[in-house]
């Protein structure tokens, strides 16, 4: 009753038009679906190409001569030979320590393998078992990291206040050394664009070692790190060679800056327990920040600072007698004279 009365020819024409319209709609719909499918395929292909383009070449899959880097760890290493001798001697004194020494030291082919084995069993979780962690550590560390870790082991032995400090004890039990190795792995992951896994490593290390080190910060070799009371190092901080960081040290920001907001600690600096350095400031070469001091201004080279806020109390001096014969030959040459107080030259020679 809603349609007016039609004649027979008009009704036939109306039905034909209706059916023609339906066929047009179906054709349009099918064409649209086809075009959408083609667009989806093109979009997926373009996204895959973009992902392929933005994938960083720093991952171990794309690393050239990776097998040579891994083989290099099998070359003779005096430090690793020393650790093996200490392990064999410890085994004669304490036979019950055999399982630990065999698993983590004597059956390992290199120092890096031993560290990877120890750390992977210390920080393993249900999400990241020890086997996966060991593979991650061995794949991510580069030649520069291997050299820095060797220097970290030497620093852990030489600067430890314990009388019975040995390279074997540092390898097995020094949590600051283990924390530094984990940081270097997380730093490589961060550089490769794998920030999620880098943050996971940071969180796991923070819960196990009480040290919160951002994977984006920069740390050189030969660092002695004591994590007994918690250590915090910010994202844009930079730590030079031969730095000593004791428990409770904070290298943080003031909360008023954005971007590059954390301290730059130069070579040979000594940060005593509880020292706090805030802001984008420089702590000069060989400086000493005493316990519980709060530093908010730049510290000159070789200065001793203390107090809240920290002020310069005195300056350190470099004496030729304080170094052995090898160090003297490296530091004091015709180009580098102690009397000229060329600190950059002296620190560079000492590092070598």
C-alpha atoms as a PDB file:
ATOM      1  CA  UNK A   1       0.000   0.000   0.000  1.00  0.00           C
ATOM      2  CA  UNK A   2       3.045   2.285   0.151  1.00  0.00           C
ATOM      3  CA  UNK A   3       3.720   1.855  -3.568  1.00  0.00           C
ATOM      4  CA  UNK A   4       1.369   3.462  -6.044  1.00  0.00           C
ATOM      5  CA  UNK A   5      -0.508   1.219  -8.423  1.00  0.00           C
ATOM      6  CA  UNK A   6       1.577   0.449 -11.507  1.00  0.00           C
ATOM      7  CA  UNK A   7       0.799  -0.884 -14.861  1.00  0.00           C
ATOM      8  CA  UNK A   8       2.358  -4.189 -15.910  1.00  0.00           C
ATOM      9  CA  UNK A   9       4.992  -2.610 -18.193  1.00  0.00           C
ATOM     10  CA  UNK A  10       5.914  -0.045 -15.549  1.00  0.00           C
ATOM     11  CA  UNK A  11       6.303  -2.798 -12.941  1.00  0.00           C
ATOM     12  CA  UNK A  12       8.576  -4.797 -15.238  1.00  0.00           C
ATOM     13  CA  UNK A  13      10.718  -1.730 -15.895  1.00  0.00           C
ATOM     14  CA  UNK A  14      10.904  -0.974 -12.151  1.00  0.00           C
ATOM     15  CA  UNK A  15      12.011  -4.535 -11.312  1.00  0.00           C
ATOM     16  CA  UNK A  16      14.626  -4.473 -14.100  1.00  0.00           C
ATOM     17  CA  UNK A  17      16.038  -1.180 -12.801  1.00  0.00           C
ATOM     18  CA  UNK A  18      16.108  -2.560  -9.258  1.00  0.00           C
ATOM     19  CA  UNK A  19      17.987  -5.679 -10.319  1.00  0.00           C
ATOM     20  CA  UNK A  20      20.423  -3.599 -12.372  1.00  0.00           C
ATOM     21  CA  UNK A  21      21.068  -1.414  -9.351  1.00  0.00           C
ATOM     22  CA  UNK A  22      21.729  -4.464  -7.178  1.00  0.00           C
ATOM     23  CA  UNK A  23      24.231  -5.782  -9.708  1.00  0.00           C
ATOM     24  CA  UNK A  24      25.995  -2.412  -9.742  1.00  0.00           C
ATOM     25  CA  UNK A  25      26.169  -2.370  -5.943  1.00  0.00           C
ATOM     26  CA  UNK A  26      27.573  -5.897  -5.815  1.00  0.00           C
ATOM     27  CA  UNK A  27      30.154  -5.063  -8.450  1.00  0.00           C
ATOM     28  CA  UNK A  28      31.174  -1.937  -6.554  1.00  0.00           C
ATOM     29  CA  UNK A  29      31.440  -3.827  -3.254  1.00  0.00           C
ATOM     30  CA  UNK A  30      33.543  -6.622  -4.767  1.00  0.00           C
ATOM     31  CA  UNK A  31      35.765  -4.063  -6.458  1.00  0.00           C
ATOM     32  CA  UNK A  32      36.187  -2.198  -3.189  1.00  0.00           C
ATOM     33  CA  UNK A  33      37.155  -5.371  -1.340  1.00  0.00           C
ATOM     34  CA  UNK A  34      39.676  -6.237  -4.020  1.00  0.00           C
ATOM     35  CA  UNK A  35      41.190  -2.773  -3.922  1.00  0.00           C
ATOM     36  CA  UNK A  36      41.292  -2.890  -0.111  1.00  0.00           C
ATOM     37  CA  UNK A  37      43.087  -6.226  -0.257  1.00  0.00           C
ATOM     38  CA  UNK A  38      45.562  -4.837  -2.756  1.00  0.00           C
ATOM     39  CA  UNK A  39      46.089  -1.764  -0.576  1.00  0.00           C
ATOM     40  CA  UNK A  40      46.580  -3.959   2.501  1.00  0.00           C
ATOM     41  CA  UNK A  41      49.132  -6.082   0.676  1.00  0.00           C
ATOM     42  CA  UNK A  42      50.920  -2.979  -0.576  1.00  0.00           C
ATOM     43  CA  UNK A  43      50.861  -1.461   2.916  1.00  0.00           C
ATOM     44  CA  UNK A  44      52.199  -4.635   4.507  1.00  0.00           C
ATOM     45  CA  UNK A  45      54.952  -4.861   1.914  1.00  0.00           C
ATOM     46  CA  UNK A  46      55.860  -1.208   2.438  1.00  0.00           C
ATOM     47  CA  UNK A  47      55.866  -1.670   6.242  1.00  0.00           C
ATOM     48  CA  UNK A  48      58.103  -4.721   5.923  1.00  0.00           C
ATOM     49  CA  UNK A  49      60.503  -2.752   3.721  1.00  0.00           C
ATOM     50  CA  UNK A  50      60.520   0.124   6.194  1.00  0.00           C
ATOM     51  CA  UNK A  51      61.215  -2.242   9.071  1.00  0.00           C
ATOM     52  CA  UNK A  52      64.008  -3.773   7.063  1.00  0.00           C
ATOM     53  CA  UNK A  53      65.442  -0.330   6.396  1.00  0.00           C
ATOM     54  CA  UNK A  54      65.288   0.850  10.015  1.00  0.00           C
ATOM     55  CA  UNK A  55      66.682  -2.366  11.487  1.00  0.00           C
ATOM     56  CA  UNK A  56      70.002  -1.476  13.042  1.00  0.00           C
ATOM     57  CA  UNK A  57      73.133  -3.212  11.774  1.00  0.00           C
ATOM     58  CA  UNK A  58      74.529  -3.462  15.318  1.00  0.00           C
ATOM     59  CA  UNK A  59      72.838  -6.757  16.139  1.00  0.00           C
ATOM     60  CA  UNK A  60      75.027  -9.823  16.092  1.00  0.00           C
ATOM     61  CA  UNK A  61      73.197 -11.228  13.042  1.00  0.00           C
ATOM     62  CA  UNK A  62      74.543  -8.482  10.764  1.00  0.00           C
ATOM     63  CA  UNK A  63      77.948  -8.146  12.402  1.00  0.00           C
ATOM     64  CA  UNK A  64      80.749  -8.755   9.906  1.00  0.00           C
ATOM     65  CA  UNK A  65      83.494 -11.168  10.953  1.00  0.00           C
ATOM     66  CA  UNK A  66      81.542 -12.234  14.029  1.00  0.00           C
ATOM     67  CA  UNK A  67      83.228 -15.636  14.032  1.00  0.00           C
ATOM     68  CA  UNK A  68      86.639 -13.944  14.225  1.00  0.00           C
ATOM     69  CA  UNK A  69      85.545 -11.976  17.271  1.00  0.00           C
ATOM     70  CA  UNK A  70      84.402 -15.147  18.989  1.00  0.00           C
ATOM     71  CA  UNK A  71      87.576 -16.997  18.027  1.00  0.00           C
ATOM     72  CA  UNK A  72      89.699 -14.166  19.405  1.00  0.00           C
ATOM     73  CA  UNK A  73      88.481 -15.004  22.892  1.00  0.00           C
ATOM     74  CA  UNK A  74      90.264 -18.349  22.595  1.00  0.00           C
ATOM     75  CA  UNK A  75      93.679 -16.722  22.194  1.00  0.00           C
ATOM     76  CA  UNK A  76      96.180 -16.877  25.093  1.00  0.00           C
ATOM     77  CA  UNK A  77      95.170 -14.484  27.876  1.00  0.00           C
ATOM     78  CA  UNK A  78      97.572 -13.880  30.816  1.00  0.00           C
ATOM     79  CA  UNK A  79      94.770 -12.733  33.124  1.00  0.00           C
ATOM     80  CA  UNK A  80      92.694 -15.821  32.392  1.00  0.00           C
ATOM     81  CA  UNK A  81      95.745 -18.037  32.928  1.00  0.00           C
ATOM     82  CA  UNK A  82      96.259 -16.393  36.327  1.00  0.00           C
ATOM     83  CA  UNK A  83      92.619 -17.021  37.291  1.00  0.00           C
ATOM     84  CA  UNK A  84      92.852 -20.692  36.284  1.00  0.00           C
ATOM     85  CA  UNK A  85      96.002 -21.146  38.376  1.00  0.00           C
ATOM     86  CA  UNK A  86      94.254 -19.565  41.368  1.00  0.00           C
ATOM     87  CA  UNK A  87      91.242 -21.863  40.829  1.00  0.00           C
ATOM     88  CA  UNK A  88      93.439 -24.977  40.751  1.00  0.00           C
ATOM     89  CA  UNK A  89      95.191 -23.838  43.928  1.00  0.00           C
ATOM     90  CA  UNK A  90      91.852 -23.127  45.637  1.00  0.00           C
ATOM     91  CA  UNK A  91      90.664 -26.588  44.640  1.00  0.00           C
ATOM     92  CA  UNK A  92      93.519 -28.207  46.523  1.00  0.00           C
ATOM     93  CA  UNK A  93      92.680 -26.191  49.655  1.00  0.00           C
ATOM     94  CA  UNK A  94      88.896 -26.613  49.438  1.00  0.00           C
ATOM     95  CA  UNK A  95      87.810 -29.732  47.513  1.00  0.00           C
ATOM     96  CA  UNK A  96      84.136 -29.081  48.309  1.00  0.00           C
ATOM     97  CA  UNK A  97      84.290 -26.019  46.034  1.00  0.00           C
ATOM     98  CA  UNK A  98      84.967 -28.304  43.069  1.00  0.00           C
ATOM     99  CA  UNK A  99      81.484 -28.103  41.431  1.00  0.00           C
ATOM    100  CA  UNK A 100      81.477 -24.303  41.425  1.00  0.00           C
ATOM    101  CA  UNK A 101      85.071 -23.986  40.231  1.00  0.00           C
ATOM    102  CA  UNK A 102      84.646 -26.584  37.503  1.00  0.00           C
ATOM    103  CA  UNK A 103      81.355 -25.175  36.227  1.00  0.00           C
ATOM    104  CA  UNK A 104      82.289 -21.502  36.183  1.00  0.00           C
ATOM    105  CA  UNK A 105      86.093 -21.477  35.767  1.00  0.00           C
ATOM    106  CA  UNK A 106      88.005 -24.629  34.884  1.00  0.00           C
ATOM    107  CA  UNK A 107      85.710 -25.871  32.134  1.00  0.00           C
ATOM    108  CA  UNK A 108      85.347 -22.423  30.524  1.00  0.00           C
ATOM    109  CA  UNK A 109      87.618 -21.566  27.561  1.00  0.00           C
ATOM    110  CA  UNK A 110      87.993 -17.827  28.299  1.00  0.00           C
ATOM    111  CA  UNK A 111      87.388 -15.073  30.827  1.00  0.00           C
ATOM    112  CA  UNK A 112      84.317 -13.831  28.928  1.00  0.00           C
ATOM    113  CA  UNK A 113      82.790 -17.320  28.906  1.00  0.00           C
ATOM    114  CA  UNK A 114      83.368 -17.597  32.647  1.00  0.00           C
ATOM    115  CA  UNK A 115      81.728 -14.234  33.361  1.00  0.00           C
ATOM    116  CA  UNK A 116      78.795 -15.087  31.100  1.00  0.00           C
ATOM    117  CA  UNK A 117      78.300 -18.382  32.939  1.00  0.00           C
ATOM    118  CA  UNK A 118      78.432 -16.778  36.399  1.00  0.00           C
ATOM    119  CA  UNK A 119      76.175 -13.832  35.607  1.00  0.00           C
ATOM    120  CA  UNK A 120      73.602 -15.855  33.681  1.00  0.00           C
ATOM    121  CA  UNK A 121      73.079 -18.129  36.702  1.00  0.00           C
ATOM    122  CA  UNK A 122      72.877 -15.155  39.071  1.00  0.00           C
ATOM    123  CA  UNK A 123      70.218 -13.090  37.281  1.00  0.00           C
ATOM    124  CA  UNK A 124      68.222 -15.779  35.483  1.00  0.00           C
ATOM    125  CA  UNK A 125      64.422 -15.553  35.690  1.00  0.00           C
ATOM    126  CA  UNK A 126      61.475 -17.535  34.378  1.00  0.00           C
ATOM    127  CA  UNK A 127      61.257 -15.184  31.398  1.00  0.00           C
ATOM    128  CA  UNK A 128      64.997 -15.275  30.695  1.00  0.00           C
ATOM    129  CA  UNK A 129      66.688 -18.587  31.583  1.00  0.00           C
ATOM    130  CA  UNK A 130      70.430 -18.912  32.087  1.00  0.00           C
ATOM    131  CA  UNK A 131      71.079 -20.414  28.657  1.00  0.00           C
ATOM    132  CA  UNK A 132      69.408 -17.477  26.890  1.00  0.00           C
ATOM    133  CA  UNK A 133      71.245 -14.958  29.063  1.00  0.00           C
ATOM    134  CA  UNK A 134      74.589 -16.605  28.407  1.00  0.00           C
ATOM    135  CA  UNK A 135      74.015 -16.474  24.647  1.00  0.00           C
ATOM    136  CA  UNK A 136      72.924 -12.834  24.891  1.00  0.00           C
ATOM    137  CA  UNK A 137      76.043 -11.830  26.836  1.00  0.00           C
ATOM    138  CA  UNK A 138      78.439 -13.591  24.470  1.00  0.00           C
ATOM    139  CA  UNK A 139      76.765 -12.210  21.351  1.00  0.00           C
ATOM    140  CA  UNK A 140      76.436  -8.579  22.416  1.00  0.00           C
ATOM    141  CA  UNK A 141      79.874  -7.856  23.876  1.00  0.00           C
ATOM    142  CA  UNK A 142      82.391  -6.488  21.362  1.00  0.00           C
ATOM    143  CA  UNK A 143      86.180  -6.262  21.335  1.00  0.00           C
ATOM    144  CA  UNK A 144      86.157  -2.918  23.144  1.00  0.00           C
ATOM    145  CA  UNK A 145      83.911  -4.377  25.833  1.00  0.00           C
ATOM    146  CA  UNK A 146      86.260  -7.342  26.289  1.00  0.00           C
ATOM    147  CA  UNK A 147      89.192  -4.968  26.861  1.00  0.00           C
ATOM    148  CA  UNK A 148      87.192  -2.811  29.283  1.00  0.00           C
ATOM    149  CA  UNK A 149      86.024  -5.863  31.248  1.00  0.00           C
ATOM    150  CA  UNK A 150      89.626  -7.089  31.575  1.00  0.00           C
ATOM    151  CA  UNK A 151      90.521  -3.677  32.999  1.00  0.00           C
ATOM    152  CA  UNK A 152      87.494  -3.858  35.324  1.00  0.00           C
ATOM    153  CA  UNK A 153      88.716  -7.203  36.688  1.00  0.00           C
ATOM    154  CA  UNK A 154      92.194  -5.776  37.329  1.00  0.00           C
ATOM    155  CA  UNK A 155      90.669  -2.740  39.045  1.00  0.00           C
ATOM    156  CA  UNK A 156      88.482  -4.978  41.223  1.00  0.00           C
ATOM    157  CA  UNK A 157      91.607  -6.801  42.417  1.00  0.00           C
ATOM    158  CA  UNK A 158      93.966  -3.854  42.879  1.00  0.00           C
ATOM    159  CA  UNK A 159      91.538  -1.414  44.511  1.00  0.00           C
ATOM    160  CA  UNK A 160      89.715  -3.804  46.799  1.00  0.00           C
ATOM    161  CA  UNK A 161      90.442  -3.047  50.479  1.00  0.00           C
ATOM    162  CA  UNK A 162      90.486  -6.756  51.308  1.00  0.00           C
ATOM    163  CA  UNK A 163      93.893  -8.264  52.030  1.00  0.00           C
ATOM    164  CA  UNK A 164      93.081 -11.598  50.357  1.00  0.00           C
ATOM    165  CA  UNK A 165      91.787 -10.041  47.152  1.00  0.00           C
ATOM    166  CA  UNK A 166      92.526 -12.239  44.149  1.00  0.00           C
ATOM    167  CA  UNK A 167      91.402 -12.299  40.543  1.00  0.00           C
ATOM    168  CA  UNK A 168      89.471 -15.522  41.245  1.00  0.00           C
ATOM    169  CA  UNK A 169      87.535 -13.943  44.125  1.00  0.00           C
ATOM    170  CA  UNK A 170      86.757 -10.880  42.004  1.00  0.00           C
ATOM    171  CA  UNK A 171      85.510 -13.077  39.177  1.00  0.00           C
ATOM    172  CA  UNK A 172      83.262 -15.210  41.375  1.00  0.00           C
ATOM    173  CA  UNK A 173      82.026 -12.884  44.076  1.00  0.00           C
ATOM    174  CA  UNK A 174      82.507  -9.207  43.202  1.00  0.00           C
ATOM    175  CA  UNK A 175      78.983  -7.961  42.491  1.00  0.00           C
ATOM    176  CA  UNK A 176      80.200  -4.600  41.234  1.00  0.00           C
ATOM    177  CA  UNK A 177      82.143  -6.355  38.466  1.00  0.00           C
ATOM    178  CA  UNK A 178      79.105  -8.464  37.548  1.00  0.00           C
ATOM    179  CA  UNK A 179      76.969  -5.323  37.480  1.00  0.00           C
ATOM    180  CA  UNK A 180      79.391  -3.618  35.087  1.00  0.00           C
ATOM    181  CA  UNK A 181      79.298  -6.584  32.713  1.00  0.00           C
ATOM    182  CA  UNK A 182      75.481  -6.496  32.704  1.00  0.00           C
ATOM    183  CA  UNK A 183      75.570  -2.759  32.030  1.00  0.00           C
ATOM    184  CA  UNK A 184      77.867  -3.252  29.039  1.00  0.00           C
ATOM    185  CA  UNK A 185      75.463  -5.829  27.596  1.00  0.00           C
ATOM    186  CA  UNK A 186      72.483  -3.508  28.149  1.00  0.00           C
ATOM    187  CA  UNK A 187      74.420  -0.616  26.595  1.00  0.00           C
ATOM    188  CA  UNK A 188      75.019  -2.638  23.413  1.00  0.00           C
ATOM    189  CA  UNK A 189      71.328  -3.544  23.297  1.00  0.00           C
ATOM    190  CA  UNK A 190      70.430   0.130  23.675  1.00  0.00           C
ATOM    191  CA  UNK A 191      72.742   1.112  20.830  1.00  0.00           C
ATOM    192  CA  UNK A 192      71.162  -1.577  18.639  1.00  0.00           C
ATOM    193  CA  UNK A 193      67.687  -0.135  19.208  1.00  0.00           C
ATOM    194  CA  UNK A 194      66.552  -3.030  21.429  1.00  0.00           C
ATOM    195  CA  UNK A 195      65.489  -0.698  24.230  1.00  0.00           C
ATOM    196  CA  UNK A 196      62.888  -3.046  25.716  1.00  0.00           C
ATOM    197  CA  UNK A 197      65.435  -5.767  26.408  1.00  0.00           C
ATOM    198  CA  UNK A 198      67.921  -3.152  27.629  1.00  0.00           C
ATOM    199  CA  UNK A 199      65.380  -1.856  30.164  1.00  0.00           C
ATOM    200  CA  UNK A 200      64.673  -5.448  31.211  1.00  0.00           C
ATOM    201  CA  UNK A 201      68.376  -5.976  31.886  1.00  0.00           C
ATOM    202  CA  UNK A 202      68.526  -2.720  33.856  1.00  0.00           C
ATOM    203  CA  UNK A 203      65.532  -3.706  35.988  1.00  0.00           C
ATOM    204  CA  UNK A 204      66.889  -7.202  36.652  1.00  0.00           C
ATOM    205  CA  UNK A 205      70.330  -5.870  37.591  1.00  0.00           C
ATOM    206  CA  UNK A 206      68.761  -3.259  39.864  1.00  0.00           C
ATOM    207  CA  UNK A 207      66.842  -5.903  41.806  1.00  0.00           C
ATOM    208  CA  UNK A 208      69.829  -8.276  42.106  1.00  0.00           C
ATOM    209  CA  UNK A 209      72.761  -5.901  42.656  1.00  0.00           C
ATOM    210  CA  UNK A 210      71.103  -2.750  44.103  1.00  0.00           C
ATOM    211  CA  UNK A 211      72.610  -0.646  41.316  1.00  0.00           C
ATOM    212  CA  UNK A 212      70.482   1.389  38.908  1.00  0.00           C
ATOM    213  CA  UNK A 213      72.655   2.166  35.867  1.00  0.00           C
ATOM    214  CA  UNK A 214      70.838   3.487  32.817  1.00  0.00           C
ATOM    215  CA  UNK A 215      71.824   1.549  29.668  1.00  0.00           C
ATOM    216  CA  UNK A 216      72.288   4.778  27.699  1.00  0.00           C
ATOM    217  CA  UNK A 217      75.068   6.200  29.897  1.00  0.00           C
ATOM    218  CA  UNK A 218      78.717   5.881  28.842  1.00  0.00           C
ATOM    219  CA  UNK A 219      81.314   4.128  31.012  1.00  0.00           C
ATOM    220  CA  UNK A 220      84.943   3.437  30.105  1.00  0.00           C
ATOM    221  CA  UNK A 221      87.176   0.620  31.345  1.00  0.00           C
ATOM    222  CA  UNK A 222      89.120   0.103  34.559  1.00  0.00           C
ATOM    223  CA  UNK A 223      86.187   1.054  36.820  1.00  0.00           C
ATOM    224  CA  UNK A 224      85.973  -0.163  40.390  1.00  0.00           C
ATOM    225  CA  UNK A 225      82.304  -0.298  41.417  1.00  0.00           C
ATOM    226  CA  UNK A 226      81.074  -1.132  44.909  1.00  0.00           C
ATOM    227  CA  UNK A 227      77.312  -1.723  44.942  1.00  0.00           C
ATOM    228  CA  UNK A 228      76.848  -2.602  48.619  1.00  0.00           C
ATOM    229  CA  UNK A 229      74.676   0.414  49.443  1.00  0.00           C
ATOM    230  CA  UNK A 230      73.128   1.129  46.065  1.00  0.00           C
ATOM    231  CA  UNK A 231      74.488   3.136  43.128  1.00  0.00           C
ATOM    232  CA  UNK A 232      72.504   5.344  40.723  1.00  0.00           C
ATOM    233  CA  UNK A 233      73.939   6.543  37.379  1.00  0.00           C
ATOM    234  CA  UNK A 234      71.699   8.593  35.088  1.00  0.00           C
ATOM    235  CA  UNK A 235      70.970   8.361  31.384  1.00  0.00           C
ATOM    236  CA  UNK A 236      73.306  11.069  30.073  1.00  0.00           C
ATOM    237  CA  UNK A 237      76.119  10.516  32.576  1.00  0.00           C
ATOM    238  CA  UNK A 238      79.624   9.722  31.354  1.00  0.00           C
ATOM    239  CA  UNK A 239      82.277   7.955  33.451  1.00  0.00           C
ATOM    240  CA  UNK A 240      85.915   7.969  32.362  1.00  0.00           C
ATOM    241  CA  UNK A 241      88.739   5.467  32.747  1.00  0.00           C
ATOM    242  CA  UNK A 242      90.054   4.317  36.094  1.00  0.00           C
ATOM    243  CA  UNK A 243      87.171   5.785  38.132  1.00  0.00           C
ATOM    244  CA  UNK A 244      86.397   4.403  41.599  1.00  0.00           C
ATOM    245  CA  UNK A 245      82.718   4.439  42.594  1.00  0.00           C
ATOM    246  CA  UNK A 246      81.968   3.305  46.132  1.00  0.00           C
ATOM    247  CA  UNK A 247      78.638   2.392  47.680  1.00  0.00           C
ATOM    248  CA  UNK A 248      75.796   4.896  47.808  1.00  0.00           C
ATOM    249  CA  UNK A 249      77.095   7.151  45.016  1.00  0.00           C
ATOM    250  CA  UNK A 250      74.548   9.044  42.903  1.00  0.00           C
ATOM    251  CA  UNK A 251      75.265  10.630  39.523  1.00  0.00           C
ATOM    252  CA  UNK A 252      71.917  12.254  38.912  1.00  0.00           C
ATOM    253  CA  UNK A 253      70.103  15.340  37.709  1.00  0.00           C
ATOM    254  CA  UNK A 254      68.811  18.373  39.537  1.00  0.00           C
ATOM    255  CA  UNK A 255      65.260  17.931  38.264  1.00  0.00           C
ATOM    256  CA  UNK A 256      65.361  21.352  36.617  1.00  0.00           C
ATOM    257  CA  UNK A 257      67.132  20.350  33.392  1.00  0.00           C
ATOM    258  CA  UNK A 258      65.983  18.473  30.313  1.00  0.00           C
ATOM    259  CA  UNK A 259      68.142  16.510  27.881  1.00  0.00           C
ATOM    260  CA  UNK A 260      71.826  16.330  28.783  1.00  0.00           C
ATOM    261  CA  UNK A 261      71.371  16.662  32.535  1.00  0.00           C
ATOM    262  CA  UNK A 262      73.812  14.307  34.272  1.00  0.00           C
ATOM    263  CA  UNK A 263      77.472  14.640  35.407  1.00  0.00           C
ATOM    264  CA  UNK A 264      80.576  13.995  33.318  1.00  0.00           C
ATOM    265  CA  UNK A 265      83.176  12.237  35.463  1.00  0.00           C
ATOM    266  CA  UNK A 266      86.686  12.348  34.016  1.00  0.00           C
ATOM    267  CA  UNK A 267      89.510   9.793  34.324  1.00  0.00           C
ATOM    268  CA  UNK A 268      90.894   8.744  37.698  1.00  0.00           C
ATOM    269  CA  UNK A 269      88.164  10.277  39.867  1.00  0.00           C
ATOM    270  CA  UNK A 270      87.486   8.829  43.340  1.00  0.00           C
ATOM    271  CA  UNK A 271      83.880   9.019  44.598  1.00  0.00           C
ATOM    272  CA  UNK A 272      83.651   8.094  48.271  1.00  0.00           C
ATOM    273  CA  UNK A 273      80.609   6.404  49.872  1.00  0.00           C
ATOM    274  CA  UNK A 274      77.424   8.447  49.746  1.00  0.00           C
ATOM    275  CA  UNK A 275      78.827  11.114  47.399  1.00  0.00           C
ATOM    276  CA  UNK A 276      76.192  12.829  45.249  1.00  0.00           C
ATOM    277  CA  UNK A 277      76.931  14.710  42.030  1.00  0.00           C
ATOM    278  CA  UNK A 278      73.965  16.520  40.502  1.00  0.00           C
ATOM    279  CA  UNK A 279      73.503  18.278  37.171  1.00  0.00           C
ATOM    280  CA  UNK A 280      75.369  18.520  33.891  1.00  0.00           C
ATOM    281  CA  UNK A 281      78.711  19.406  35.478  1.00  0.00           C
ATOM    282  CA  UNK A 282      82.272  18.183  34.999  1.00  0.00           C
ATOM    283  CA  UNK A 283      84.296  16.418  37.677  1.00  0.00           C
ATOM    284  CA  UNK A 284      87.920  16.948  36.661  1.00  0.00           C
ATOM    285  CA  UNK A 285      90.634  14.331  36.196  1.00  0.00           C
ATOM    286  CA  UNK A 286      91.963  12.801  39.400  1.00  0.00           C
ATOM    287  CA  UNK A 287      89.504  14.662  41.626  1.00  0.00           C
ATOM    288  CA  UNK A 288      88.270  13.284  44.965  1.00  0.00           C
ATOM    289  CA  UNK A 289      84.729  13.716  46.279  1.00  0.00           C
ATOM    290  CA  UNK A 290      84.615  12.803  49.960  1.00  0.00           C
ATOM    291  CA  UNK A 291      81.851  10.856  51.697  1.00  0.00           C
ATOM    292  CA  UNK A 292      78.343  12.353  51.936  1.00  0.00           C
ATOM    293  CA  UNK A 293      79.304  15.402  49.881  1.00  0.00           C
ATOM    294  CA  UNK A 294      76.787  16.974  47.494  1.00  0.00           C
ATOM    295  CA  UNK A 295      78.409  18.455  44.386  1.00  0.00           C
ATOM    296  CA  UNK A 296      76.431  20.935  42.294  1.00  0.00           C
ATOM    297  CA  UNK A 297      79.285  22.914  40.696  1.00  0.00           C
ATOM    298  CA  UNK A 298      82.204  21.968  38.465  1.00  0.00           C
ATOM    299  CA  UNK A 299      85.165  20.316  40.198  1.00  0.00           C
ATOM    300  CA  UNK A 300      88.711  21.242  39.003  1.00  0.00           C
ATOM    301  CA  UNK A 301      91.341  18.646  38.133  1.00  0.00           C
ATOM    302  CA  UNK A 302      93.048  16.954  41.120  1.00  0.00           C
ATOM    303  CA  UNK A 303      90.821  18.809  43.598  1.00  0.00           C
ATOM    304  CA  UNK A 304      89.522  17.404  46.880  1.00  0.00           C
ATOM    305  CA  UNK A 305      85.987  18.576  47.565  1.00  0.00           C
ATOM    306  CA  UNK A 306      83.745  17.969  50.568  1.00  0.00           C
ATOM    307  CA  UNK A 307      80.744  19.398  52.359  1.00  0.00           C
ATOM    308  CA  UNK A 308      77.132  20.309  51.566  1.00  0.00           C
ATOM    309  CA  UNK A 309      77.380  21.991  49.148  1.00  0.00           C
ATOM    310  CA  UNK A 310      80.834  20.684  48.266  1.00  0.00           C
ATOM    311  CA  UNK A 311      83.763  23.119  48.212  1.00  0.00           C
ATOM    312  CA  UNK A 312      87.413  22.697  47.222  1.00  0.00           C
ATOM    313  CA  UNK A 313      89.476  21.903  50.316  1.00  0.00           C
ATOM    314  CA  UNK A 314      92.868  21.028  48.781  1.00  0.00           C
ATOM    315  CA  UNK A 315      94.585  19.665  45.693  1.00  0.00           C
ATOM    316  CA  UNK A 316      96.326  16.353  45.035  1.00  0.00           C
ATOM    317  CA  UNK A 317      99.893  16.137  43.726  1.00  0.00           C
ATOM    318  CA  UNK A 318     101.485  13.663  41.336  1.00  0.00           C
ATOM    319  CA  UNK A 319     104.793  12.257  42.544  1.00  0.00           C
ATOM    320  CA  UNK A 320     107.178  10.244  40.430  1.00  0.00           C
ATOM    321  CA  UNK A 321     108.008   7.965  43.378  1.00  0.00           C
ATOM    322  CA  UNK A 322     104.435   6.719  43.599  1.00  0.00           C
ATOM    323  CA  UNK A 323     104.620   4.698  40.391  1.00  0.00           C
ATOM    324  CA  UNK A 324     106.623   1.683  39.379  1.00  0.00           C
ATOM    325  CA  UNK A 325     109.235   1.684  36.653  1.00  0.00           C
ATOM    326  CA  UNK A 326     106.848   0.707  33.820  1.00  0.00           C
ATOM    327  CA  UNK A 327     104.421   3.453  34.728  1.00  0.00           C
ATOM    328  CA  UNK A 328     107.211   6.027  34.842  1.00  0.00           C
ATOM    329  CA  UNK A 329     108.385   5.119  31.358  1.00  0.00           C
ATOM    330  CA  UNK A 330     104.847   5.446  30.014  1.00  0.00           C
ATOM    331  CA  UNK A 331     103.963   8.676  31.798  1.00  0.00           C
ATOM    332  CA  UNK A 332     107.091  10.775  31.892  1.00  0.00           C
ATOM    333  CA  UNK A 333     108.816  11.131  28.553  1.00  0.00           C
ATOM    334  CA  UNK A 334     110.246  14.033  26.635  1.00  0.00           C
ATOM    335  CA  UNK A 335     106.743  15.019  25.510  1.00  0.00           C
ATOM    336  CA  UNK A 336     105.213  14.516  28.956  1.00  0.00           C
ATOM    337  CA  UNK A 337     107.062  16.148  31.812  1.00  0.00           C
ATOM    338  CA  UNK A 338     105.867  16.079  35.420  1.00  0.00           C
ATOM    339  CA  UNK A 339     107.186  19.578  36.024  1.00  0.00           C
ATOM    340  CA  UNK A 340     104.961  20.961  33.272  1.00  0.00           C
ATOM    341  CA  UNK A 341     101.863  19.508  35.026  1.00  0.00           C
ATOM    342  CA  UNK A 342     100.478  18.171  31.762  1.00  0.00           C
ATOM    343  CA  UNK A 343      97.686  16.213  33.401  1.00  0.00           C
ATOM    344  CA  UNK A 344      96.122  14.936  30.176  1.00  0.00           C
ATOM    345  CA  UNK A 345      99.450  13.457  29.100  1.00  0.00           C
ATOM    346  CA  UNK A 346     100.118  11.926  32.513  1.00  0.00           C
ATOM    347  CA  UNK A 347      96.659  10.339  32.779  1.00  0.00           C
ATOM    348  CA  UNK A 348      96.853   9.028  29.244  1.00  0.00           C
ATOM    349  CA  UNK A 349     100.230   7.417  29.896  1.00  0.00           C
ATOM    350  CA  UNK A 350      99.000   5.932  33.172  1.00  0.00           C
ATOM    351  CA  UNK A 351      96.013   4.391  31.380  1.00  0.00           C
ATOM    352  CA  UNK A 352      98.268   2.851  28.736  1.00  0.00           C
END
